[in-house]
Every structure is written in structure tokens, then in C-alpha cells.
């Protein structure tokens, strides 16, 4: 087999493998909502009685990542 035949075979195999039926969940879990504004995020968390997960960050300095 030459390279073109292998490529075409892989492409067809990928299309066939990916053509399965996509089903949506009957009761999907609530998704995470990201907020860029702390005040609005806290207000929504209080209103919906849900916890928050705060991620803060800053520019990196001397090779230390900026997210901690």
C-alpha cells in the first residue's frame, strides 16, 4: 500500500467510527458556570445556594506559574 491509500483508509475508518449516534442525556448534570466578575459570581452563588470555586492568578515571575 502506498501512503495515499493508507491515508484514505484511515480517513474512511475515522468517518465510520465517528458516525455513531449521539444521544443527549435524559437528566444532564448541571454544568459549571464561569464568571469573570467576583461580585456577580458571589451574588449568583448566594441566590442559588451553591458553592464557589475561586481561581486567582497573576503574571508569572522567575519561572513560577501565575495561577495558584
PDB file of N, CA and C in Angstrom:
ATOM      1  N   UNK A   1       0.851  -1.191   0.000  1.00  0.00           N
ATOM      2  CA  UNK A   1       0.000   0.000   0.000  1.00  0.00           C
ATOM      3  C   UNK A   1       0.889   1.244   0.000  1.00  0.00           C
ATOM      4  N   UNK A   2       0.469   2.206  -0.763  1.00  0.00           N
ATOM      5  CA  UNK A   2       1.227   3.450  -0.729  1.00  0.00           C
ATOM      6  C   UNK A   2       0.638   4.384   0.326  1.00  0.00           C
ATOM      7  N   UNK A   3       1.289   5.501   0.534  1.00  0.00           N
ATOM      8  CA  UNK A   3       0.894   6.434   1.588  1.00  0.00           C
ATOM      9  C   UNK A   3      -0.512   6.985   1.346  1.00  0.00           C
ATOM     10  N   UNK A   4      -0.844   7.260   0.097  1.00  0.00           N
ATOM     11  CA  UNK A   4      -2.168   7.806  -0.216  1.00  0.00           C
ATOM     12  C   UNK A   4      -3.270   6.808   0.132  1.00  0.00           C
ATOM     13  N   UNK A   5      -3.059   5.537  -0.151  1.00  0.00           N
ATOM     14  CA  UNK A   5      -4.055   4.506   0.167  1.00  0.00           C
ATOM     15  C   UNK A   5      -4.242   4.373   1.670  1.00  0.00           C
ATOM     16  N   UNK A   6      -3.140   4.423   2.413  1.00  0.00           N
ATOM     17  CA  UNK A   6      -3.223   4.331   3.876  1.00  0.00           C
ATOM     18  C   UNK A   6      -3.984   5.531   4.426  1.00  0.00           C
ATOM     19  N   UNK A   7      -3.715   6.708   3.888  1.00  0.00           N
ATOM     20  CA  UNK A   7      -4.405   7.915   4.340  1.00  0.00           C
ATOM     21  C   UNK A   7      -5.904   7.824   4.073  1.00  0.00           C
ATOM     22  N   UNK A   8      -6.283   7.408   2.879  1.00  0.00           N
ATOM     23  CA  UNK A   8      -7.702   7.279   2.523  1.00  0.00           C
ATOM     24  C   UNK A   8      -8.376   6.238   3.411  1.00  0.00           C
ATOM     25  N   UNK A   9      -7.711   5.120   3.656  1.00  0.00           N
ATOM     26  CA  UNK A   9      -8.262   4.084   4.529  1.00  0.00           C
ATOM     27  C   UNK A   9      -8.473   4.626   5.941  1.00  0.00           C
ATOM     28  N   UNK A  10      -7.478   5.347   6.468  1.00  0.00           N
ATOM     29  CA  UNK A  10      -7.593   5.917   7.813  1.00  0.00           C
ATOM     30  C   UNK A  10      -8.717   6.946   7.869  1.00  0.00           C
ATOM     31  N   UNK A  11      -8.860   7.732   6.819  1.00  0.00           N
ATOM     32  CA  UNK A  11      -9.924   8.729   6.773  1.00  0.00           C
ATOM     33  C   UNK A  11     -11.301   8.072   6.777  1.00  0.00           C
ATOM     34  N   UNK A  12     -11.470   7.049   5.967  1.00  0.00           N
ATOM     35  CA  UNK A  12     -12.750   6.326   5.917  1.00  0.00           C
ATOM     36  C   UNK A  12     -13.037   5.656   7.252  1.00  0.00           C
ATOM     37  N   UNK A  13     -12.024   5.049   7.842  1.00  0.00           N
ATOM     38  CA  UNK A  13     -12.191   4.398   9.140  1.00  0.00           C
ATOM     39  C   UNK A  13     -12.600   5.418  10.204  1.00  0.00           C
ATOM     40  N   UNK A  14     -11.995   6.592  10.176  1.00  0.00           N
ATOM     41  CA  UNK A  14     -12.341   7.641  11.132  1.00  0.00           C
ATOM     42  C   UNK A  14     -13.763   8.130  10.972  1.00  0.00           C
ATOM     43  N   UNK A  15     -14.209   8.267   9.734  1.00  0.00           N
ATOM     44  CA  UNK A  15     -15.581   8.719   9.476  1.00  0.00           C
ATOM     45  C   UNK A  15     -16.581   7.673   9.943  1.00  0.00           C
ATOM     46  N   UNK A  16     -16.310   6.415   9.654  1.00  0.00           N
ATOM     47  CA  UNK A  16     -17.211   5.333  10.063  1.00  0.00           C
ATOM     48  C   UNK A  16     -17.247   5.224  11.583  1.00  0.00           C
ATOM     49  N   UNK A  17     -16.092   5.320  12.228  1.00  0.00           N
ATOM     50  CA  UNK A  17     -16.040   5.202  13.688  1.00  0.00           C
ATOM     51  C   UNK A  17     -16.735   6.381  14.361  1.00  0.00           C
ATOM     52  N   UNK A  18     -16.661   7.553  13.761  1.00  0.00           N
ATOM     53  CA  UNK A  18     -17.253   8.741  14.362  1.00  0.00           C
ATOM     54  C   UNK A  18     -18.691   8.987  13.976  1.00  0.00           C
ATOM     55  N   UNK A  19     -19.288   8.099  13.193  1.00  0.00           N
ATOM     56  CA  UNK A  19     -20.649   8.342  12.727  1.00  0.00           C
ATOM     57  C   UNK A  19     -21.705   7.715  13.624  1.00  0.00           C
ATOM     58  N   UNK A  20     -21.328   7.303  14.820  1.00  0.00           N
ATOM     59  CA  UNK A  20     -22.296   6.714  15.742  1.00  0.00           C
ATOM     60  C   UNK A  20     -23.321   7.735  16.187  1.00  0.00           C
ATOM     61  N   UNK A  21     -24.406   7.245  16.702  1.00  0.00           N
ATOM     62  CA  UNK A  21     -25.491   8.116  17.135  1.00  0.00           C
ATOM     63  C   UNK A  21     -25.072   8.869  18.386  1.00  0.00           C
ATOM     64  N   UNK A  22     -25.332  10.140  18.402  1.00  0.00           N
ATOM     65  CA  UNK A  22     -25.010  10.981  19.552  1.00  0.00           C
ATOM     66  C   UNK A  22     -26.299  11.204  20.334  1.00  0.00           C
ATOM     67  N   UNK A  23     -26.343  10.715  21.549  1.00  0.00           N
ATOM     68  CA  UNK A  23     -27.552  10.843  22.370  1.00  0.00           C
ATOM     69  C   UNK A  23     -27.334  11.881  23.457  1.00  0.00           C
ATOM     70  N   UNK A  24     -28.340  12.674  23.705  1.00  0.00           N
ATOM     71  CA  UNK A  24     -28.256  13.608  24.816  1.00  0.00           C
ATOM     72  C   UNK A  24     -28.740  12.892  26.072  1.00  0.00           C
ATOM     73  N   UNK A  25     -28.236  13.349  27.187  1.00  0.00           N
ATOM     74  CA  UNK A  25     -28.608  12.729  28.456  1.00  0.00           C
ATOM     75  C   UNK A  25     -30.053  13.076  28.800  1.00  0.00           C
ATOM     76  N   UNK A  26     -30.741  12.134  29.441  1.00  0.00           N
ATOM     77  CA  UNK A  26     -32.116  12.407  29.858  1.00  0.00           C
ATOM     78  C   UNK A  26     -32.146  13.423  30.993  1.00  0.00           C
ATOM     79  N   UNK A  27     -31.240  13.274  31.948  1.00  0.00           N
ATOM     80  CA  UNK A  27     -31.143  14.197  33.072  1.00  0.00           C
ATOM     81  C   UNK A  27     -29.705  14.701  33.162  1.00  0.00           C
ATOM     82  N   UNK A  28     -29.334  15.648  32.306  1.00  0.00           N
ATOM     83  CA  UNK A  28     -27.938  16.095  32.310  1.00  0.00           C
ATOM     84  C   UNK A  28     -27.574  16.779  33.620  1.00  0.00           C
ATOM     85  N   UNK A  29     -26.361  16.555  34.053  1.00  0.00           N
ATOM     86  CA  UNK A  29     -25.872  17.202  35.270  1.00  0.00           C
ATOM     87  C   UNK A  29     -25.724  18.697  35.004  1.00  0.00           C
ATOM     88  N   UNK A  30     -25.878  19.483  36.047  1.00  0.00           N
ATOM     89  CA  UNK A  30     -25.688  20.918  35.892  1.00  0.00           C
ATOM     90  C   UNK A  30     -24.228  21.174  35.566  1.00  0.00           C
ATOM     91  N   UNK A  31     -24.003  22.070  34.656  1.00  0.00           N
ATOM     92  CA  UNK A  31     -22.654  22.370  34.207  1.00  0.00           C
ATOM     93  C   UNK A  31     -22.040  23.476  35.061  1.00  0.00           C
ATOM     94  N   UNK A  32     -20.728  23.540  35.039  1.00  0.00           N
ATOM     95  CA  UNK A  32     -20.016  24.594  35.754  1.00  0.00           C
ATOM     96  C   UNK A  32     -20.168  25.892  34.975  1.00  0.00           C
ATOM     97  N   UNK A  33     -20.480  26.954  35.681  1.00  0.00           N
ATOM     98  CA  UNK A  33     -20.607  28.267  35.069  1.00  0.00           C
ATOM     99  C   UNK A  33     -19.441  29.117  35.545  1.00  0.00           C
ATOM    100  N   UNK A  34     -18.720  29.699  34.610  1.00  0.00           N
ATOM    101  CA  UNK A  34     -17.561  30.527  34.933  1.00  0.00           C
ATOM    102  C   UNK A  34     -17.952  31.991  34.882  1.00  0.00           C
ATOM    103  N   UNK A  35     -17.505  32.760  35.872  1.00  0.00           N
ATOM    104  CA  UNK A  35     -17.766  34.194  35.919  1.00  0.00           C
ATOM    105  C   UNK A  35     -16.443  34.933  36.013  1.00  0.00           C
ATOM    106  N   UNK A  36     -16.318  36.004  35.272  1.00  0.00           N
ATOM    107  CA  UNK A  36     -15.104  36.816  35.318  1.00  0.00           C
ATOM    108  C   UNK A  36     -15.209  37.905  36.378  1.00  0.00           C
ATOM    109  N   UNK A  37     -16.392  38.098  36.934  1.00  0.00           N
ATOM    110  CA  UNK A  37     -16.625  39.138  37.915  1.00  0.00           C
ATOM    111  C   UNK A  37     -16.972  38.490  39.253  1.00  0.00           C
ATOM    112  N   UNK A  38     -16.158  38.736  40.277  1.00  0.00           N
ATOM    113  CA  UNK A  38     -16.349  38.100  41.584  1.00  0.00           C
ATOM    114  C   UNK A  38     -17.682  38.488  42.222  1.00  0.00           C
ATOM    115  N   UNK A  39     -18.039  39.769  42.159  1.00  0.00           N
ATOM    116  CA  UNK A  39     -19.288  40.210  42.803  1.00  0.00           C
ATOM    117  C   UNK A  39     -20.508  39.514  42.206  1.00  0.00           C
ATOM    118  N   UNK A  40     -20.552  39.428  40.872  1.00  0.00           N
ATOM    119  CA  UNK A  40     -21.695  38.762  40.231  1.00  0.00           C
ATOM    120  C   UNK A  40     -21.697  37.265  40.520  1.00  0.00           C
ATOM    121  N   UNK A  41     -20.526  36.654  40.535  1.00  0.00           N
ATOM    122  CA  UNK A  41     -20.432  35.225  40.842  1.00  0.00           C
ATOM    123  C   UNK A  41     -20.885  34.924  42.260  1.00  0.00           C
ATOM    124  N   UNK A  42     -20.457  35.758  43.214  1.00  0.00           N
ATOM    125  CA  UNK A  42     -20.879  35.570  44.607  1.00  0.00           C
ATOM    126  C   UNK A  42     -22.383  35.786  44.762  1.00  0.00           C
ATOM    127  N   UNK A  43     -22.921  36.785  44.069  1.00  0.00           N
ATOM    128  CA  UNK A  43     -24.364  37.046  44.150  1.00  0.00           C
ATOM    129  C   UNK A  43     -25.157  35.863  43.612  1.00  0.00           C
ATOM    130  N   UNK A  44     -24.712  35.307  42.496  1.00  0.00           N
ATOM    131  CA  UNK A  44     -25.419  34.158  41.925  1.00  0.00           C
ATOM    132  C   UNK A  44     -25.287  32.932  42.831  1.00  0.00           C
ATOM    133  N   UNK A  45     -24.111  32.726  43.416  1.00  0.00           N
ATOM    134  CA  UNK A  45     -23.921  31.595  44.325  1.00  0.00           C
ATOM    135  C   UNK A  45     -24.839  31.723  45.539  1.00  0.00           C
ATOM    136  N   UNK A  46     -24.969  32.932  46.048  1.00  0.00           N
ATOM    137  CA  UNK A  46     -25.852  33.154  47.195  1.00  0.00           C
ATOM    138  C   UNK A  46     -27.311  32.938  46.806  1.00  0.00           C
ATOM    139  N   UNK A  47     -27.687  33.433  45.628  1.00  0.00           N
ATOM    140  CA  UNK A  47     -29.070  33.309  45.157  1.00  0.00           C
ATOM    141  C   UNK A  47     -29.448  31.853  44.915  1.00  0.00           C
ATOM    142  N   UNK A  48     -28.542  31.067  44.369  1.00  0.00           N
ATOM    143  CA  UNK A  48     -28.837  29.674  44.035  1.00  0.00           C
ATOM    144  C   UNK A  48     -28.390  28.696  45.115  1.00  0.00           C
ATOM    145  N   UNK A  49     -27.815  29.221  46.196  1.00  0.00           N
ATOM    146  CA  UNK A  49     -27.341  28.400  47.318  1.00  0.00           C
ATOM    147  C   UNK A  49     -26.335  27.333  46.852  1.00  0.00           C
ATOM    148  N   UNK A  50     -25.380  27.776  46.027  1.00  0.00           N
ATOM    149  CA  UNK A  50     -24.354  26.871  45.509  1.00  0.00           C
ATOM    150  C   UNK A  50     -22.984  27.365  45.938  1.00  0.00           C
ATOM    151  N   UNK A  51     -22.024  26.464  46.084  1.00  0.00           N
ATOM    152  CA  UNK A  51     -20.670  26.875  46.469  1.00  0.00           C
ATOM    153  C   UNK A  51     -19.937  27.529  45.296  1.00  0.00           C
ATOM    154  N   UNK A  52     -18.825  28.179  45.610  1.00  0.00           N
ATOM    155  CA  UNK A  52     -17.993  28.757  44.562  1.00  0.00           C
ATOM    156  C   UNK A  52     -16.619  28.108  44.603  1.00  0.00           C
ATOM    157  N   UNK A  53     -15.931  28.164  43.489  1.00  0.00           N
ATOM    158  CA  UNK A  53     -14.548  27.712  43.389  1.00  0.00           C
ATOM    159  C   UNK A  53     -13.781  28.877  42.804  1.00  0.00           C
ATOM    160  N   UNK A  54     -12.933  29.491  43.609  1.00  0.00           N
ATOM    161  CA  UNK A  54     -12.214  30.685  43.190  1.00  0.00           C
ATOM    162  C   UNK A  54     -10.829  30.311  42.683  1.00  0.00           C
ATOM    163  N   UNK A  55     -10.509  30.752  41.482  1.00  0.00           N
ATOM    164  CA  UNK A  55      -9.178  30.574  40.912  1.00  0.00           C
ATOM    165  C   UNK A  55      -8.622  31.967  40.685  1.00  0.00           C
ATOM    166  N   UNK A  56      -7.487  32.251  41.297  1.00  0.00           N
ATOM    167  CA  UNK A  56      -6.872  33.559  41.097  1.00  0.00           C
ATOM    168  C   UNK A  56      -5.548  33.389  40.384  1.00  0.00           C
ATOM    169  N   UNK A  57      -5.055  34.445  39.835  1.00  0.00           N
ATOM    170  CA  UNK A  57      -3.797  34.346  39.112  1.00  0.00           C
ATOM    171  C   UNK A  57      -3.143  35.695  38.949  1.00  0.00           C
ATOM    172  N   UNK A  58      -1.900  35.652  38.532  1.00  0.00           N
ATOM    173  CA  UNK A  58      -1.105  36.848  38.274  1.00  0.00           C
ATOM    174  C   UNK A  58      -0.051  36.477  37.247  1.00  0.00           C
ATOM    175  N   UNK A  59       0.563  37.458  36.626  1.00  0.00           N
ATOM    176  CA  UNK A  59       1.628  37.132  35.668  1.00  0.00           C
ATOM    177  C   UNK A  59       2.735  36.326  36.340  1.00  0.00           C
ATOM    178  N   UNK A  60       3.354  35.453  35.590  1.00  0.00           N
ATOM    179  CA  UNK A  60       4.419  34.634  36.173  1.00  0.00           C
ATOM    180  C   UNK A  60       5.663  35.474  36.430  1.00  0.00           C
ATOM    181  N   UNK A  61       6.438  35.038  37.402  1.00  0.00           N
ATOM    182  CA  UNK A  61       7.643  35.755  37.789  1.00  0.00           C
ATOM    183  C   UNK A  61       8.743  34.743  38.080  1.00  0.00           C
ATOM    184  N   UNK A  62       9.852  34.853  37.420  1.00  0.00           N
ATOM    185  CA  UNK A  62      11.010  33.979  37.637  1.00  0.00           C
ATOM    186  C   UNK A  62      10.671  32.505  37.474  1.00  0.00           C
ATOM    187  N   UNK A  63       9.844  32.189  36.483  1.00  0.00           N
ATOM    188  CA  UNK A  63       9.529  30.796  36.199  1.00  0.00           C
ATOM    189  C   UNK A  63       8.449  30.192  37.070  1.00  0.00           C
ATOM    190  N   UNK A  64       7.891  30.971  37.990  1.00  0.00           N
ATOM    191  CA  UNK A  64       6.812  30.469  38.848  1.00  0.00           C
ATOM    192  C   UNK A  64       5.492  30.743  38.135  1.00  0.00           C
ATOM    193  N   UNK A  65       4.645  29.721  37.943  1.00  0.00           N
ATOM    194  CA  UNK A  65       3.378  29.946  37.246  1.00  0.00           C
ATOM    195  C   UNK A  65       2.525  30.986  37.958  1.00  0.00           C
ATOM    196  N   UNK A  66       1.687  31.684  37.194  1.00  0.00           N
ATOM    197  CA  UNK A  66       0.873  32.751  37.754  1.00  0.00           C
ATOM    198  C   UNK A  66      -0.436  32.306  38.373  1.00  0.00           C
ATOM    199  N   UNK A  67      -0.826  31.050  38.219  1.00  0.00           N
ATOM    200  CA  UNK A  67      -2.074  30.568  38.818  1.00  0.00           C
ATOM    201  C   UNK A  67      -1.722  29.696  40.010  1.00  0.00           C
ATOM    202  N   UNK A  68      -2.332  29.948  41.135  1.00  0.00           N
ATOM    203  CA  UNK A  68      -2.074  29.155  42.334  1.00  0.00           C
ATOM    204  C   UNK A  68      -3.349  28.861  43.057  1.00  0.00           C
TER     205      UNK A  68
END
